[in-house]
Amino acid sequence: MLKQKDQLSLRYNSNQKGQPLTPQERERMLRKFLPTTPSPSTPSTISPDPSPFPSRAPPIRNLIKSQIHTLIYTFIHLFFGLYVRTRIAYHAIVDRILAILYYHHRTPDLIRKDVKNLSRLPEHLSVILSVNTDDDRGAGLEQLVHEVSEISAWCASAGIPALSIYERTGILKNYIPQTHHTITRTLQAYFGNTPYSKCPTVSVRAPNLPTFSPPTTPPTSDAGGTHPDHITILLLSEDDGRNTLVDLTKTLAEMAQRSKISPADISAELIDAEITESVMGEPDILLLFAPRVMLDGYPPWQVRLTEIYHVPDNTEGVGYQVFLRALHRYAHAQMRFGR
């Protein structure tokens, strides 16, 4: 500890004579508090920049384990890559063979011949399509209407009376008369080749929109209504799915609050009846032309008991072979209904 006179000298930076302290005097006063200086001849034992993690060579065991993991990872990639490519090639060959053996040639008689040995046909077929947004809007809409017309002609030729088309954006709802006109022309192109067949009439409708049909169209009660020379086409969009359930829930809740309906009366049968009346009933089979099952916002209530069919790795889009294979799958499907 410094003496009192040294403390005063350091505080006021002056010695006893009143002169400023020199560096040597300050060093003399503080020398006993400074660390000892090592001699230049003594080697320093402390590293100038010590590392907290000393480097050392990795053990051989860790190196071998890393190589084994890399080998397994590479093997898995090779195996699944080979499997996927083989599966894609197999489906491409099968689709090409079916395209040669089974083609409609825009003739209803050939389509009837392809389905005449089936034990049953669906009364209501539903299809998920999508508009191509990569190209021009007009070209994408034209392609979509062409696909709807072709599928409608296949259904009419096979004897399926009801067809529902789901397209997420609902663009077809804005062109119902034009869609009806294109479908009618396609049916005339198909059934004009068979003099003994009568061209079916068509009615096109959408939920909450009036039905568009010619004056000679026979009356139908619902999308599932049947007539030997008539096909009903229903256009669906994303708004007819989840939003419909939300609106129905709000309506039933308000009616229950106003005592117009008892909460005990709200059942699955009531909901099913309301959705069937406002949108549609449950289709027998849902057909996807995509390589994977993607419902893309399809009405969820209507697919509780629906058979869903798609062809894996299908890159050709809408094709008659996929349509025909779906009908064969439906004919051989077992409807257990939870049993």
Protein backbone atom coordinates (compact mmCIF):
# COMPACT_ATOMS: atom_id res chain seq x y z
CA MET A 1 0.00 0.00 0.00
CA LEU A 2 1.32 3.45 -0.88
CA LYS A 3 2.36 5.86 1.73
CA GLN A 4 0.26 8.92 2.28
CA LYS A 5 2.83 11.27 0.81
CA ASP A 6 3.14 9.10 -2.30
CA GLN A 7 -0.64 9.03 -2.70
CA LEU A 8 -0.75 12.82 -2.52
CA SER A 9 2.10 13.11 -4.99
CA LEU A 10 0.38 10.82 -7.50
CA ARG A 11 -2.98 12.52 -6.98
CA TYR A 12 -1.63 16.04 -7.58
CA ASN A 13 1.21 14.95 -9.90
CA SER A 14 3.81 16.87 -7.92
CA ASN A 15 6.70 15.97 -5.59
CA GLN A 16 7.57 17.49 -2.24
CA LYS A 17 9.32 20.36 -3.96
CA GLY A 18 6.18 21.26 -5.92
CA GLN A 19 7.60 20.09 -9.24
CA PRO A 20 5.73 17.74 -11.64
CA LEU A 21 6.51 14.05 -11.24
CA THR A 22 8.79 12.50 -13.77
CA PRO A 23 8.04 9.09 -15.30
CA GLN A 24 10.90 7.61 -13.31
CA GLU A 25 9.41 8.86 -10.06
CA ARG A 26 5.96 7.46 -10.85
CA GLU A 27 7.52 4.12 -11.80
CA ARG A 28 9.51 4.05 -8.54
CA MET A 29 6.33 4.63 -6.50
CA LEU A 30 4.36 1.94 -8.33
CA ARG A 31 7.15 -0.59 -8.91
CA LYS A 32 6.17 -2.90 -6.08
CA PHE A 33 2.64 -3.13 -7.51
CA LEU A 34 3.78 -4.02 -11.06
CA PRO A 35 4.24 -7.68 -12.21
CA THR A 36 7.72 -8.97 -12.53
CA THR A 37 9.20 -8.80 -16.02
CA PRO A 38 10.58 -12.14 -17.27
CA SER A 39 14.15 -12.11 -18.39
CA PRO A 40 14.80 -12.29 -22.15
CA SER A 41 16.77 -15.51 -21.74
CA THR A 42 13.86 -17.36 -20.09
CA PRO A 43 11.60 -19.00 -22.75
CA SER A 44 7.93 -18.26 -22.40
CA THR A 45 5.76 -21.25 -21.56
CA ILE A 46 2.52 -19.53 -22.56
CA SER A 47 1.44 -19.61 -26.17
CA PRO A 48 0.92 -16.12 -27.62
CA ASP A 49 -2.47 -17.14 -29.03
CA PRO A 50 -3.71 -20.21 -27.20
CA SER A 51 -6.60 -22.05 -28.90
CA PRO A 52 -9.51 -23.16 -26.66
CA PHE A 53 -9.90 -26.33 -28.75
CA PRO A 54 -6.57 -28.03 -29.34
CA SER A 55 -6.34 -29.58 -32.76
CA ARG A 56 -5.92 -33.27 -32.99
CA ALA A 57 -6.23 -35.84 -35.69
CA PRO A 58 -9.70 -37.47 -35.94
CA PRO A 59 -9.88 -41.03 -34.75
CA ILE A 60 -9.94 -43.76 -37.35
CA ARG A 61 -13.32 -44.95 -36.06
CA ASN A 62 -15.02 -41.61 -36.83
CA LEU A 63 -13.50 -41.55 -40.28
CA ILE A 64 -14.76 -45.05 -41.08
CA LYS A 65 -18.23 -44.21 -39.75
CA SER A 66 -18.39 -41.12 -41.98
CA GLN A 67 -17.43 -43.16 -45.04
CA ILE A 68 -20.07 -45.77 -44.24
CA HIS A 69 -22.78 -43.09 -43.93
CA THR A 70 -21.75 -41.60 -47.28
CA LEU A 71 -21.83 -45.03 -48.90
CA ILE A 72 -25.32 -45.79 -47.54
CA TYR A 73 -26.63 -42.37 -48.62
CA THR A 74 -25.27 -42.88 -52.15
CA PHE A 75 -26.73 -46.39 -52.34
CA ILE A 76 -30.19 -45.19 -51.27
CA HIS A 77 -30.13 -42.43 -53.89
CA LEU A 78 -29.07 -44.83 -56.62
CA PHE A 79 -31.68 -47.41 -55.63
CA PHE A 80 -34.63 -45.01 -55.54
CA GLY A 81 -33.45 -43.17 -58.64
CA LEU A 82 -33.36 -46.47 -60.53
CA TYR A 83 -36.75 -47.48 -59.11
CA VAL A 84 -38.44 -44.20 -60.09
CA ARG A 85 -37.03 -44.24 -63.60
CA THR A 86 -38.02 -47.87 -64.09
CA ARG A 87 -41.56 -47.15 -62.87
CA ILE A 88 -41.90 -44.14 -65.17
CA ALA A 89 -40.65 -46.16 -68.15
CA TYR A 90 -43.03 -49.04 -67.32
CA HIS A 91 -46.08 -46.77 -67.11
CA ALA A 92 -45.07 -44.97 -70.31
CA ILE A 93 -44.85 -48.28 -72.19
CA VAL A 94 -48.17 -49.52 -70.76
CA ASP A 95 -49.91 -46.26 -71.65
CA ARG A 96 -48.52 -46.39 -75.19
CA ILE A 97 -49.70 -49.97 -75.66
CA LEU A 98 -53.17 -49.12 -74.34
CA ALA A 99 -53.30 -46.09 -76.61
CA ILE A 100 -52.77 -48.39 -79.57
CA LEU A 101 -55.14 -51.15 -78.48
CA TYR A 102 -57.91 -48.90 -77.13
CA TYR A 103 -58.73 -45.71 -78.93
CA HIS A 104 -62.19 -44.27 -79.45
CA HIS A 105 -61.60 -42.76 -82.91
CA ARG A 106 -64.41 -40.34 -81.98
CA THR A 107 -66.89 -43.19 -82.43
CA PRO A 108 -69.44 -43.97 -79.67
CA ASP A 109 -69.81 -47.59 -80.81
CA LEU A 110 -66.18 -48.31 -80.00
CA ILE A 111 -66.56 -46.74 -76.55
CA ARG A 112 -69.67 -48.82 -75.87
CA LYS A 113 -67.76 -51.90 -76.97
CA ASP A 114 -64.97 -51.10 -74.49
CA VAL A 115 -67.38 -50.86 -71.55
CA LYS A 116 -70.09 -53.38 -72.43
CA ASN A 117 -68.46 -56.19 -70.43
CA LEU A 118 -68.25 -54.13 -67.24
CA SER A 119 -70.53 -55.24 -64.44
CA ARG A 120 -71.53 -51.68 -63.59
CA LEU A 121 -70.96 -48.10 -64.64
CA PRO A 122 -70.99 -44.99 -62.45
CA GLU A 123 -74.10 -42.86 -62.47
CA HIS A 124 -72.06 -39.80 -61.57
CA LEU A 125 -68.46 -39.33 -62.67
CA SER A 126 -66.40 -36.44 -61.32
CA VAL A 127 -63.17 -35.13 -62.82
CA ILE A 128 -60.52 -32.72 -61.54
CA LEU A 129 -59.00 -30.50 -64.23
CA SER A 130 -56.76 -27.45 -64.13
CA VAL A 131 -56.28 -24.53 -66.46
CA ASN A 132 -52.78 -24.07 -67.83
CA THR A 133 -51.55 -20.73 -66.51
CA ASP A 134 -48.11 -20.99 -68.13
CA ASP A 135 -49.45 -20.17 -71.60
CA ASP A 136 -51.75 -17.40 -72.72
CA ARG A 137 -55.01 -17.15 -70.79
CA GLY A 138 -57.08 -17.63 -73.92
CA ALA A 139 -55.11 -20.69 -75.01
CA GLY A 140 -55.35 -22.22 -71.54
CA LEU A 141 -59.12 -21.66 -71.44
CA GLU A 142 -59.53 -23.14 -74.91
CA GLN A 143 -57.58 -26.24 -73.92
CA LEU A 144 -59.67 -26.62 -70.76
CA VAL A 145 -62.97 -26.39 -72.68
CA HIS A 146 -61.65 -28.91 -75.21
CA GLU A 147 -60.84 -31.38 -72.41
CA VAL A 148 -64.30 -30.91 -70.88
CA SER A 149 -65.91 -31.54 -74.28
CA GLU A 150 -63.94 -34.73 -74.88
CA ILE A 151 -64.71 -36.16 -71.43
CA SER A 152 -68.39 -35.27 -71.90
CA ALA A 153 -68.45 -37.16 -75.19
CA TRP A 154 -66.83 -40.20 -73.58
CA CYS A 155 -69.37 -40.20 -70.76
CA ALA A 156 -72.30 -39.79 -73.16
CA SER A 157 -71.01 -42.64 -75.32
CA ALA A 158 -70.46 -44.92 -72.31
CA GLY A 159 -73.91 -44.17 -70.90
CA ILE A 160 -72.86 -42.10 -67.86
CA PRO A 161 -75.66 -39.54 -67.36
CA ALA A 162 -73.97 -37.11 -64.93
CA LEU A 163 -70.54 -35.51 -65.09
CA SER A 164 -69.09 -32.93 -62.69
CA ILE A 165 -66.00 -30.96 -63.60
CA TYR A 166 -63.92 -29.42 -60.83
CA GLU A 167 -61.56 -26.59 -61.72
CA ARG A 168 -60.20 -24.67 -58.75
CA THR A 169 -60.48 -21.11 -60.09
CA GLY A 170 -64.00 -21.55 -61.48
CA ILE A 171 -63.16 -19.88 -64.77
CA LEU A 172 -65.62 -22.07 -66.66
CA LYS A 173 -68.53 -20.61 -64.70
CA ASN A 174 -68.03 -17.35 -66.59
CA TYR A 175 -68.35 -19.10 -69.95
CA ILE A 176 -71.25 -21.50 -69.47
CA PRO A 177 -72.99 -20.74 -72.84
CA GLN A 178 -69.71 -21.03 -74.74
CA THR A 179 -68.85 -24.27 -72.92
CA HIS A 180 -72.30 -25.67 -73.73
CA HIS A 181 -71.86 -24.76 -77.39
CA THR A 182 -68.44 -26.45 -77.61
CA ILE A 183 -69.70 -29.61 -75.89
CA THR A 184 -72.67 -29.78 -78.24
CA ARG A 185 -70.44 -29.51 -81.30
CA THR A 186 -68.16 -32.24 -79.95
CA LEU A 187 -71.13 -34.55 -79.34
CA GLN A 188 -72.34 -33.91 -82.86
CA ALA A 189 -68.89 -34.78 -84.18
CA TYR A 190 -68.98 -38.05 -82.23
CA PHE A 191 -72.55 -39.15 -82.83
CA GLY A 192 -72.68 -37.87 -86.39
CA ASN A 193 -70.51 -40.82 -87.38
CA THR A 194 -73.15 -43.31 -86.21
CA PRO A 195 -76.44 -42.98 -88.13
CA TYR A 196 -78.28 -45.29 -85.73
CA SER A 197 -77.46 -43.20 -82.64
CA LYS A 198 -79.18 -40.06 -81.56
CA CYS A 199 -77.01 -37.18 -80.42
CA PRO A 200 -77.59 -36.62 -76.70
CA THR A 201 -78.73 -33.28 -75.37
CA VAL A 202 -76.64 -31.40 -72.83
CA SER A 203 -77.40 -29.20 -69.86
CA VAL A 204 -74.64 -27.27 -68.12
CA ARG A 205 -75.08 -25.77 -64.69
CA ALA A 206 -73.15 -24.54 -61.66
CA PRO A 207 -74.14 -24.17 -58.02
CA ASN A 208 -76.20 -21.03 -57.38
CA LEU A 209 -76.41 -20.39 -61.13
CA PRO A 210 -79.28 -21.19 -63.53
CA THR A 211 -79.04 -24.25 -65.74
CA PHE A 212 -78.13 -23.60 -69.36
CA SER A 213 -79.77 -26.06 -71.72
CA PRO A 214 -81.59 -26.01 -75.05
CA PRO A 215 -85.41 -25.92 -75.13
CA THR A 216 -85.57 -29.55 -76.24
CA THR A 217 -83.63 -30.82 -73.22
CA PRO A 218 -85.66 -33.39 -71.23
CA PRO A 219 -86.33 -32.42 -67.62
CA THR A 220 -83.94 -33.71 -64.95
CA SER A 221 -84.33 -33.48 -61.22
CA ASP A 222 -80.67 -33.35 -60.18
CA ALA A 223 -77.11 -33.84 -61.35
CA GLY A 224 -77.78 -37.54 -60.96
CA GLY A 225 -80.96 -37.49 -63.03
CA THR A 226 -80.90 -40.04 -65.82
CA HIS A 227 -82.17 -40.02 -69.38
CA PRO A 228 -80.98 -42.23 -72.23
CA ASP A 229 -80.26 -39.25 -74.52
CA HIS A 230 -79.18 -36.60 -72.07
CA ILE A 231 -76.09 -35.74 -70.05
CA THR A 232 -75.92 -33.23 -67.21
CA ILE A 233 -72.65 -31.40 -66.61
CA LEU A 234 -71.95 -29.61 -63.34
CA LEU A 235 -69.14 -27.05 -63.05
CA LEU A 236 -67.48 -26.79 -59.63
CA SER A 237 -64.83 -24.55 -58.13
CA GLU A 238 -63.03 -24.03 -54.83
CA ASP A 239 -65.88 -21.81 -53.56
CA ASP A 240 -68.25 -24.79 -53.65
CA GLY A 241 -66.20 -26.77 -51.15
CA ARG A 242 -65.05 -25.39 -47.82
CA ASN A 243 -66.93 -22.10 -48.19
CA THR A 244 -70.19 -23.99 -48.65
CA LEU A 245 -69.65 -25.88 -45.41
CA VAL A 246 -68.83 -22.64 -43.58
CA ASP A 247 -71.97 -20.91 -44.90
CA LEU A 248 -74.13 -23.91 -44.03
CA THR A 249 -72.68 -24.01 -40.51
CA LYS A 250 -73.44 -20.31 -39.99
CA THR A 251 -76.97 -20.74 -41.32
CA LEU A 252 -77.75 -23.70 -39.06
CA ALA A 253 -76.23 -21.91 -36.05
CA GLU A 254 -78.38 -18.81 -36.65
CA MET A 255 -81.51 -20.93 -37.10
CA ALA A 256 -80.75 -22.77 -33.86
CA GLN A 257 -80.26 -19.47 -32.00
CA ARG A 258 -83.58 -18.17 -33.31
CA SER A 259 -85.31 -21.42 -32.28
CA LYS A 260 -86.26 -22.18 -35.88
CA ILE A 261 -84.56 -25.54 -35.62
CA SER A 262 -83.61 -27.70 -32.69
CA PRO A 263 -79.90 -28.51 -32.21
CA ALA A 264 -80.90 -32.16 -31.90
CA ASP A 265 -82.27 -32.04 -35.47
CA ILE A 266 -78.88 -31.13 -36.93
CA SER A 267 -77.43 -34.40 -38.14
CA ALA A 268 -75.21 -35.76 -40.89
CA GLU A 269 -78.30 -36.64 -42.91
CA LEU A 270 -79.52 -33.02 -42.76
CA ILE A 271 -76.14 -31.66 -43.79
CA ASP A 272 -75.92 -34.17 -46.61
CA ALA A 273 -79.37 -33.22 -47.88
CA GLU A 274 -78.57 -29.49 -47.79
CA ILE A 275 -75.21 -29.88 -49.55
CA THR A 276 -76.73 -32.19 -52.15
CA GLU A 277 -79.41 -29.63 -52.91
CA SER A 278 -77.08 -26.61 -52.99
CA VAL A 279 -74.02 -28.18 -54.65
CA MET A 280 -74.26 -31.86 -55.65
CA GLY A 281 -74.49 -35.37 -54.33
CA GLU A 282 -71.61 -37.75 -53.85
CA PRO A 283 -70.03 -38.91 -57.12
CA ASP A 284 -69.46 -42.60 -57.63
CA ILE A 285 -65.88 -42.13 -58.81
CA LEU A 286 -63.46 -39.22 -58.84
CA LEU A 287 -60.98 -39.27 -61.72
CA LEU A 288 -57.65 -37.44 -61.71
CA PHE A 289 -55.50 -37.14 -64.80
CA ALA A 290 -52.54 -35.89 -62.74
CA PRO A 291 -49.61 -38.17 -61.82
CA ARG A 292 -50.38 -37.74 -58.10
CA VAL A 293 -53.52 -37.49 -55.98
CA MET A 294 -54.03 -33.77 -55.41
CA LEU A 295 -57.62 -32.80 -54.63
CA ASP A 296 -56.69 -29.09 -54.85
CA GLY A 297 -59.60 -27.89 -52.71
CA TYR A 298 -62.23 -30.32 -54.04
CA PRO A 299 -65.47 -30.29 -51.96
CA PRO A 300 -64.54 -32.53 -49.01
CA TRP A 301 -68.03 -33.62 -47.98
CA GLN A 302 -68.77 -35.20 -51.36
CA VAL A 303 -65.83 -37.62 -51.37
CA ARG A 304 -66.60 -39.55 -48.19
CA LEU A 305 -67.56 -42.72 -50.08
CA THR A 306 -66.18 -41.85 -53.51
CA GLU A 307 -63.75 -44.10 -55.34
CA ILE A 308 -60.68 -42.02 -56.27
CA TYR A 309 -58.59 -43.13 -59.23
CA HIS A 310 -55.43 -41.81 -60.88
CA VAL A 311 -52.61 -43.26 -62.98
CA PRO A 312 -49.17 -42.85 -61.40
CA ASP A 313 -46.58 -41.00 -63.50
CA ASN A 314 -49.20 -39.91 -66.02
CA THR A 315 -47.60 -37.12 -68.03
CA GLU A 316 -49.97 -37.22 -71.00
CA GLY A 317 -52.76 -35.34 -69.23
CA VAL A 318 -56.36 -36.05 -70.22
CA GLY A 319 -56.51 -39.33 -72.12
CA TYR A 320 -59.11 -41.90 -73.06
CA GLN A 321 -56.97 -44.73 -71.69
CA VAL A 322 -57.04 -43.22 -68.18
CA PHE A 323 -60.82 -42.77 -68.47
CA LEU A 324 -61.30 -46.40 -69.52
CA ARG A 325 -59.02 -47.77 -66.81
CA ALA A 326 -60.96 -45.77 -64.22
CA LEU A 327 -64.23 -47.38 -65.34
CA HIS A 328 -62.64 -50.83 -65.08
CA ARG A 329 -61.36 -50.03 -61.60
CA TYR A 330 -64.80 -48.86 -60.50
CA ALA A 331 -66.46 -51.99 -61.92
CA HIS A 332 -64.16 -54.26 -59.90
CA ALA A 333 -64.11 -52.16 -56.70
CA GLN A 334 -65.74 -53.53 -53.57
CA MET A 335 -67.94 -50.99 -51.80
CA ARG A 336 -67.80 -52.12 -48.16
CA PHE A 337 -69.06 -48.80 -46.69
CA GLY A 338 -67.11 -49.28 -43.46
CA ARG A 339 -67.97 -52.94 -42.99
